């Protein structure tokens, strides 16, 4: 949803990304006996019945739910306690957990070799004639002068599937369905991300205690003397 900042009780400013977490529905469980590997298939964001095809409707019907727009598999058997049709919510994680967040990076359009591949600029002096060019493409005649695949040149930049590892969960709110994750996560606003427990050795850390900025509720009681009657407000 975007980035903001929160403060801990010891005065530390923490930059966080706000991730909206609507319930994920278990669509299917993959097992070693039937599929050759273990995984749980999750569905996110409902599709209108008129827009779902027969395959989507049939697959969802087996799980006792409706068709979903995004379907992803989570490898491993950590979620095997959930059965098809059950919902997984934000409370799967807690403050202090360390997670890996996978998403599709922002698109940068057509970018030059300097920006895209971190190549050096040419001489900046007058008369050089070469400042941001790709440089020589000579192949020394060994392959008939063709450009081999993988050559670092200008081209489309961004829109890669990438993962930010070892990010700390600062806060989990199941009432408003969001998670605060320290730092940035891949992708633009409204982008879809997958949050998993980190593959690193340490899975948790000491959670930060945030300052509670909720307005305090103070009960005010006043007495007014109206003749012989006393009214409490």
Protein backbone atom coordinates (compact mmCIF):
# COMPACT_ATOMS: atom_id res chain seq x y z
CA UNK A 1 0.00 0.00 0.00
CA UNK A 2 3.00 2.32 0.43
CA UNK A 3 5.60 3.30 3.01
CA UNK A 4 5.41 5.24 6.25
CA UNK A 5 7.27 5.40 9.54
CA UNK A 6 6.59 4.40 13.13
CA UNK A 7 8.39 5.11 16.40
CA UNK A 8 9.45 2.69 19.11
CA UNK A 9 9.29 3.49 22.81
CA UNK A 10 13.07 4.02 22.91
CA UNK A 11 12.80 6.83 20.35
CA UNK A 12 13.88 4.86 17.26
CA UNK A 13 12.33 5.82 13.91
CA UNK A 14 11.49 2.71 11.87
CA UNK A 15 10.67 2.99 8.14
CA UNK A 16 8.02 0.43 7.24
CA UNK A 17 6.06 -0.82 4.25
CA UNK A 18 2.32 -1.29 4.77
CA UNK A 19 1.20 -4.58 3.22
CA UNK A 20 -2.53 -5.29 3.02
CA UNK A 21 -3.20 -8.94 3.84
CA UNK A 22 -6.65 -10.17 2.90
CA UNK A 23 -7.44 -13.80 3.78
CA UNK A 24 -5.78 -16.49 1.62
CA UNK A 25 -7.85 -19.61 0.93
CA UNK A 26 -6.26 -23.06 0.78
CA UNK A 27 -7.15 -24.35 -2.70
CA UNK A 28 -5.21 -27.64 -2.72
CA UNK A 29 -2.60 -29.68 -0.86
CA UNK A 30 0.17 -31.35 -2.88
CA UNK A 31 1.62 -34.55 -1.39
CA UNK A 32 4.57 -36.80 -2.15
CA UNK A 33 2.28 -39.75 -2.93
CA UNK A 34 0.14 -37.96 -5.52
CA UNK A 35 2.32 -35.14 -6.86
CA UNK A 36 5.91 -36.02 -6.03
CA UNK A 37 6.43 -33.01 -3.78
CA UNK A 38 4.80 -31.26 -0.83
CA UNK A 39 3.17 -27.85 -1.15
CA UNK A 40 0.06 -25.89 -0.26
CA UNK A 41 -1.77 -23.98 -2.98
CA UNK A 42 -3.21 -20.64 -1.86
CA UNK A 43 -5.80 -18.50 -3.63
CA UNK A 44 -6.13 -14.73 -3.30
CA UNK A 45 -8.77 -12.22 -4.41
CA UNK A 46 -12.13 -13.53 -5.58
CA UNK A 47 -13.20 -13.53 -9.23
CA UNK A 48 -16.76 -12.71 -10.26
CA UNK A 49 -18.59 -15.89 -11.18
CA UNK A 50 -19.36 -14.49 -14.63
CA UNK A 51 -15.65 -13.95 -15.32
CA UNK A 52 -14.33 -17.31 -14.10
CA UNK A 53 -13.89 -20.12 -16.61
CA UNK A 54 -14.96 -23.74 -16.10
CA UNK A 55 -11.50 -24.89 -15.00
CA UNK A 56 -11.28 -22.20 -12.33
CA UNK A 57 -14.80 -22.93 -11.07
CA UNK A 58 -14.20 -26.67 -10.95
CA UNK A 59 -10.87 -26.32 -9.14
CA UNK A 60 -12.40 -24.01 -6.54
CA UNK A 61 -15.45 -26.21 -6.10
CA UNK A 62 -13.26 -29.10 -4.94
CA UNK A 63 -11.98 -26.86 -2.13
CA UNK A 64 -15.48 -25.65 -1.29
CA UNK A 65 -14.75 -22.02 -2.18
CA UNK A 66 -15.04 -19.58 -5.08
CA UNK A 67 -12.58 -19.01 -7.94
CA UNK A 68 -9.55 -16.86 -7.14
CA UNK A 69 -7.60 -14.45 -9.33
CA UNK A 70 -4.13 -15.26 -7.99
CA UNK A 71 -3.08 -18.84 -7.18
CA UNK A 72 0.37 -19.56 -5.76
CA UNK A 73 2.05 -22.63 -4.30
CA UNK A 74 4.08 -22.54 -1.09
CA UNK A 75 6.57 -25.42 -1.01
CA UNK A 76 7.06 -27.48 2.13
CA UNK A 77 4.71 -28.95 4.72
CA UNK A 78 4.66 -26.08 7.24
CA UNK A 79 1.03 -25.26 6.31
CA UNK A 80 -0.21 -28.86 6.20
CA UNK A 81 -2.30 -28.28 9.31
CA UNK A 82 -4.70 -26.26 7.12
CA UNK A 83 -7.31 -28.07 5.05
CA UNK A 84 -8.72 -27.01 1.62
CA UNK A 85 -11.28 -24.27 2.06
CA UNK A 86 -9.75 -22.84 5.24
CA UNK A 87 -8.53 -19.25 5.39
CA UNK A 88 -5.02 -18.11 6.32
CA UNK A 89 -4.89 -14.58 7.72
CA UNK A 90 -2.26 -12.07 8.75
CA UNK A 91 -1.96 -13.60 12.23
CA UNK A 92 0.14 -16.37 10.64
CA UNK A 93 3.03 -13.99 11.41
CA UNK A 94 3.84 -12.01 14.54
CA UNK A 95 5.96 -8.98 15.41
CA UNK A 96 9.63 -9.96 15.48
CA UNK A 97 9.40 -12.62 12.76
CA UNK A 98 11.97 -12.43 9.95
CA UNK A 99 10.54 -12.93 6.46
CA UNK A 100 11.47 -13.03 2.78
CA UNK A 101 9.22 -10.97 0.49
CA UNK A 102 9.00 -11.87 -3.21
CA UNK A 103 7.44 -9.61 -5.82
CA UNK A 104 7.80 -8.22 -9.34
CA UNK A 105 10.08 -5.17 -9.41
CA UNK A 106 9.02 -1.81 -10.82
CA UNK A 107 9.27 -1.36 -14.58
CA UNK A 108 11.84 1.20 -15.78
CA UNK A 109 11.10 1.10 -19.51
CA UNK A 110 13.87 1.19 -22.10
CA UNK A 111 17.10 2.03 -20.28
CA UNK A 112 20.65 2.61 -21.45
CA UNK A 113 23.72 0.54 -20.68
CA UNK A 114 24.88 2.86 -17.87
CA UNK A 115 21.63 2.65 -15.91
CA UNK A 116 20.71 -0.91 -16.80
CA UNK A 117 24.09 -2.62 -16.45
CA UNK A 118 26.02 -0.18 -14.24
CA UNK A 119 28.61 0.39 -16.98
CA UNK A 120 31.12 3.25 -16.88
CA UNK A 121 30.64 6.54 -18.70
CA UNK A 122 32.98 7.43 -21.55
CA UNK A 123 35.42 10.34 -21.42
CA UNK A 124 33.68 13.57 -20.46
CA UNK A 125 36.07 15.88 -22.32
CA UNK A 126 35.12 17.86 -25.43
CA UNK A 127 35.50 16.04 -28.69
CA UNK A 128 35.25 12.60 -27.19
CA UNK A 129 32.07 11.72 -29.02
CA UNK A 130 31.50 8.81 -26.67
CA UNK A 131 29.75 9.48 -23.36
CA UNK A 132 26.96 6.94 -22.80
CA UNK A 133 27.47 4.58 -25.75
CA UNK A 134 27.65 0.77 -25.37
CA UNK A 135 31.30 0.58 -26.51
CA UNK A 136 32.81 -1.75 -29.06
CA UNK A 137 30.89 -4.86 -30.10
CA UNK A 138 33.88 -6.41 -31.92
CA UNK A 139 33.93 -10.19 -31.69
CA UNK A 140 37.47 -10.66 -33.09
CA UNK A 141 36.03 -12.66 -35.98
CA UNK A 142 35.58 -15.83 -33.95
CA UNK A 143 31.83 -16.21 -34.39
CA UNK A 144 31.10 -14.53 -37.71
CA UNK A 145 30.37 -11.17 -36.13
CA UNK A 146 27.08 -12.10 -34.45
CA UNK A 147 26.03 -10.68 -31.08
CA UNK A 148 25.87 -13.50 -28.56
CA UNK A 149 22.92 -13.88 -26.23
CA UNK A 150 23.54 -12.24 -22.87
CA UNK A 151 25.56 -9.30 -24.23
CA UNK A 152 25.16 -6.29 -21.92
CA UNK A 153 23.34 -3.68 -23.99
CA UNK A 154 20.52 -1.17 -23.59
CA UNK A 155 17.02 -2.62 -23.32
CA UNK A 156 13.94 -3.18 -21.19
CA UNK A 157 14.71 -2.66 -17.51
CA UNK A 158 12.75 -3.85 -14.49
CA UNK A 159 9.76 -6.22 -14.12
CA UNK A 160 11.94 -8.97 -12.64
CA UNK A 161 10.81 -11.46 -10.01
CA UNK A 162 13.00 -10.54 -7.07
CA UNK A 163 13.17 -11.25 -3.34
CA UNK A 164 14.14 -9.04 -0.40
CA UNK A 165 15.43 -11.31 2.35
CA UNK A 166 15.56 -11.14 6.14
CA UNK A 167 13.02 -8.35 6.65
CA UNK A 168 11.57 -7.81 10.11
CA UNK A 169 7.83 -7.84 10.82
CA UNK A 170 7.15 -4.78 12.99
CA UNK A 171 3.39 -5.10 13.53
CA UNK A 172 0.52 -7.40 12.59
CA UNK A 173 -3.05 -6.01 12.66
CA UNK A 174 -5.79 -8.57 12.05
CA UNK A 175 -8.57 -6.01 12.57
CA UNK A 176 -7.59 -3.87 9.59
CA UNK A 177 -5.77 -6.71 7.79
CA UNK A 178 -2.28 -5.30 7.36
CA UNK A 179 1.34 -6.08 8.21
CA UNK A 180 4.10 -3.52 8.79
CA UNK A 181 7.43 -4.75 7.40
CA UNK A 182 10.67 -2.91 8.13
CA UNK A 183 12.29 -1.47 5.01
CA UNK A 184 11.10 -1.75 1.43
CA UNK A 185 9.61 -4.65 -0.52
CA UNK A 186 9.76 -5.33 -4.28
CA UNK A 187 7.21 -3.89 -6.67
CA UNK A 188 4.94 -0.86 -7.07
CA UNK A 189 1.95 0.12 -4.96
CA UNK A 190 -0.92 -2.35 -5.26
CA UNK A 191 1.59 -4.98 -6.41
CA UNK A 192 1.16 -8.59 -5.35
CA UNK A 193 3.82 -10.00 -3.02
CA UNK A 194 4.44 -13.35 -1.35
CA UNK A 195 5.60 -13.32 2.28
CA UNK A 196 7.43 -16.40 3.60
CA UNK A 197 9.47 -17.21 6.68
CA UNK A 198 13.07 -16.38 5.88
CA UNK A 199 15.44 -19.09 4.68
CA UNK A 200 18.17 -17.63 6.90
CA UNK A 201 19.26 -19.36 10.09
CA UNK A 202 17.64 -16.91 12.50
CA UNK A 203 13.86 -16.86 12.09
CA UNK A 204 12.93 -14.30 14.77
CA UNK A 205 14.30 -11.29 16.57
CA UNK A 206 13.31 -9.20 19.57
CA UNK A 207 10.16 -7.28 18.53
CA UNK A 208 10.15 -3.49 18.71
CA UNK A 209 7.72 -1.93 21.17
CA UNK A 210 5.85 0.81 19.30
CA UNK A 211 4.44 4.01 20.74
CA UNK A 212 0.66 3.76 21.04
CA UNK A 213 -0.78 6.90 19.43
CA UNK A 214 -4.42 5.95 19.94
CA UNK A 215 -6.36 8.80 21.58
CA UNK A 216 -6.94 8.29 25.28
CA UNK A 217 -10.60 8.01 26.33
CA UNK A 218 -11.27 10.20 29.36
CA UNK A 219 -14.59 10.06 31.14
CA UNK A 220 -15.77 13.51 32.11
CA UNK A 221 -18.48 13.87 34.71
CA UNK A 222 -20.08 17.22 35.45
CA UNK A 223 -22.83 18.13 37.85
CA UNK A 224 -25.28 20.95 37.26
CA UNK A 225 -27.59 22.26 39.96
CA UNK A 226 -31.03 23.03 38.53
CA UNK A 227 -33.09 24.04 41.51
CA UNK A 228 -33.83 20.97 43.56
CA UNK A 229 -32.51 18.51 40.92
CA UNK A 230 -28.93 17.44 40.30
CA UNK A 231 -28.07 16.37 36.73
CA UNK A 232 -24.96 14.36 35.84
CA UNK A 233 -23.55 14.82 32.31
